[in-house]
C-alpha atoms as a PDB file:
ATOM      1  CA  MET A   1       6.483   7.446  -4.413  1.00  0.00           C
ATOM      2  CA  TRP A   2       7.036   8.806  -7.904  1.00  0.00           C
ATOM      3  CA  ILE A   3       4.729  11.199  -9.758  1.00  0.00           C
ATOM      4  CA  ALA A   4       3.859  10.272 -13.350  1.00  0.00           C
ATOM      5  CA  LYS A   5       3.661  13.241 -15.713  1.00  0.00           C
ATOM      6  CA  ASN A   6       2.480  13.896 -19.247  1.00  0.00           C
ATOM      7  CA  ASN A   7       3.817  17.152 -20.738  1.00  0.00           C
ATOM      8  CA  ASP A   8       4.869  18.225 -17.213  1.00  0.00           C
ATOM      9  CA  ARG A   9       1.292  17.751 -15.951  1.00  0.00           C
ATOM     10  CA  PRO A  10       0.926  15.266 -13.037  1.00  0.00           C
ATOM     11  CA  ILE A  11      -1.385  12.428 -14.090  1.00  0.00           C
ATOM     12  CA  GLY A  12      -0.767   9.728 -11.495  1.00  0.00           C
ATOM     13  CA  ALA A  13       1.633   8.113  -9.091  1.00  0.00           C
ATOM     14  CA  VAL A  14       3.713   4.963  -8.701  1.00  0.00           C
ATOM     15  CA  MET A  15       4.038   3.596  -5.172  1.00  0.00           C
ATOM     16  CA  GLU A  16       5.948   0.771  -3.544  1.00  0.00           C
ATOM     17  CA  ALA A  17       3.793  -1.750  -1.698  1.00  0.00           C
ATOM     18  CA  THR A  18       4.342  -4.954   0.247  1.00  0.00           C
ATOM     19  CA  ALA A  19       2.018  -7.954   0.351  1.00  0.00           C
ATOM     20  CA  PRO A  20       3.169  -9.533   3.633  1.00  0.00           C
ATOM     21  CA  ASP A  21       1.302 -12.828   3.234  1.00  0.00           C
ATOM     22  CA  GLY A  22       3.099 -14.578   0.377  1.00  0.00           C
ATOM     23  CA  TYR A  23       3.579 -18.326   0.886  1.00  0.00           C
ATOM     24  CA  SER A  24       7.376 -17.906   1.129  1.00  0.00           C
ATOM     25  CA  GLY A  25       7.447 -14.408   2.615  1.00  0.00           C
ATOM     26  CA  ALA A  26       6.648 -10.849   1.647  1.00  0.00           C
ATOM     27  CA  ILE A  27       6.062  -9.862  -1.986  1.00  0.00           C
ATOM     28  CA  GLN A  28       7.349  -6.436  -3.063  1.00  0.00           C
ATOM     29  CA  LEU A  29       5.303  -4.543  -5.663  1.00  0.00           C
ATOM     30  CA  LEU A  30       5.085  -1.324  -7.626  1.00  0.00           C
ATOM     31  CA  VAL A  31       1.529  -0.021  -8.052  1.00  0.00           C
ATOM     32  CA  ALA A  32       0.575   2.713 -10.532  1.00  0.00           C
ATOM     33  CA  ALA A  33      -2.645   4.690 -10.034  1.00  0.00           C
ATOM     34  CA  ASP A  34      -4.231   7.835 -11.369  1.00  0.00           C
ATOM     35  CA  PHE A  35      -5.419  10.564  -9.024  1.00  0.00           C
ATOM     36  CA  SER A  36      -9.012   9.286  -9.020  1.00  0.00           C
ATOM     37  CA  GLY A  37      -7.749   6.052  -7.431  1.00  0.00           C
ATOM     38  CA  THR A  38      -7.923   3.778 -10.469  1.00  0.00           C
ATOM     39  CA  VAL A  39      -5.113   1.225 -10.453  1.00  0.00           C
ATOM     40  CA  LEU A  40      -3.392   1.360 -13.838  1.00  0.00           C
ATOM     41  CA  GLY A  41      -0.835  -1.399 -13.366  1.00  0.00           C
ATOM     42  CA  THR A  42       1.179  -3.516 -10.962  1.00  0.00           C
ATOM     43  CA  ARG A  43       4.573  -5.201 -11.129  1.00  0.00           C
ATOM     44  CA  VAL A  44       6.208  -7.646  -8.743  1.00  0.00           C
ATOM     45  CA  THR A  45       9.736  -6.445  -7.991  1.00  0.00           C
ATOM     46  CA  GLU A  46      10.826  -9.117  -5.503  1.00  0.00           C
ATOM     47  CA  HIS A  47       9.484 -12.413  -4.162  1.00  0.00           C
ATOM     48  CA  HIS A  48      10.682 -15.752  -2.856  1.00  0.00           C
ATOM     49  CA  GLU A  49       7.886 -17.931  -4.200  1.00  0.00           C
ATOM     50  CA  THR A  50       8.599 -21.285  -5.855  1.00  0.00           C
ATOM     51  CA  PRO A  51       8.788 -20.761  -9.661  1.00  0.00           C
ATOM     52  CA  GLY A  52       6.050 -22.579 -11.585  1.00  0.00           C
ATOM     53  CA  LEU A  53       4.038 -23.531  -8.492  1.00  0.00           C
ATOM     54  CA  GLY A  54       0.450 -22.320  -8.159  1.00  0.00           C
END
């Protein structure tokens, strides 16, 4: 986990997550959230899904 800061003040966190139920295996993600629990963004960092399908 990484802490996001603005002017040295902690404002949120970025966490690694795994969605284990991808069609072709697990999907690795980064999830950013503020400290009230609001998800601010997600990014897929690794997957083995078929490109262009779905």
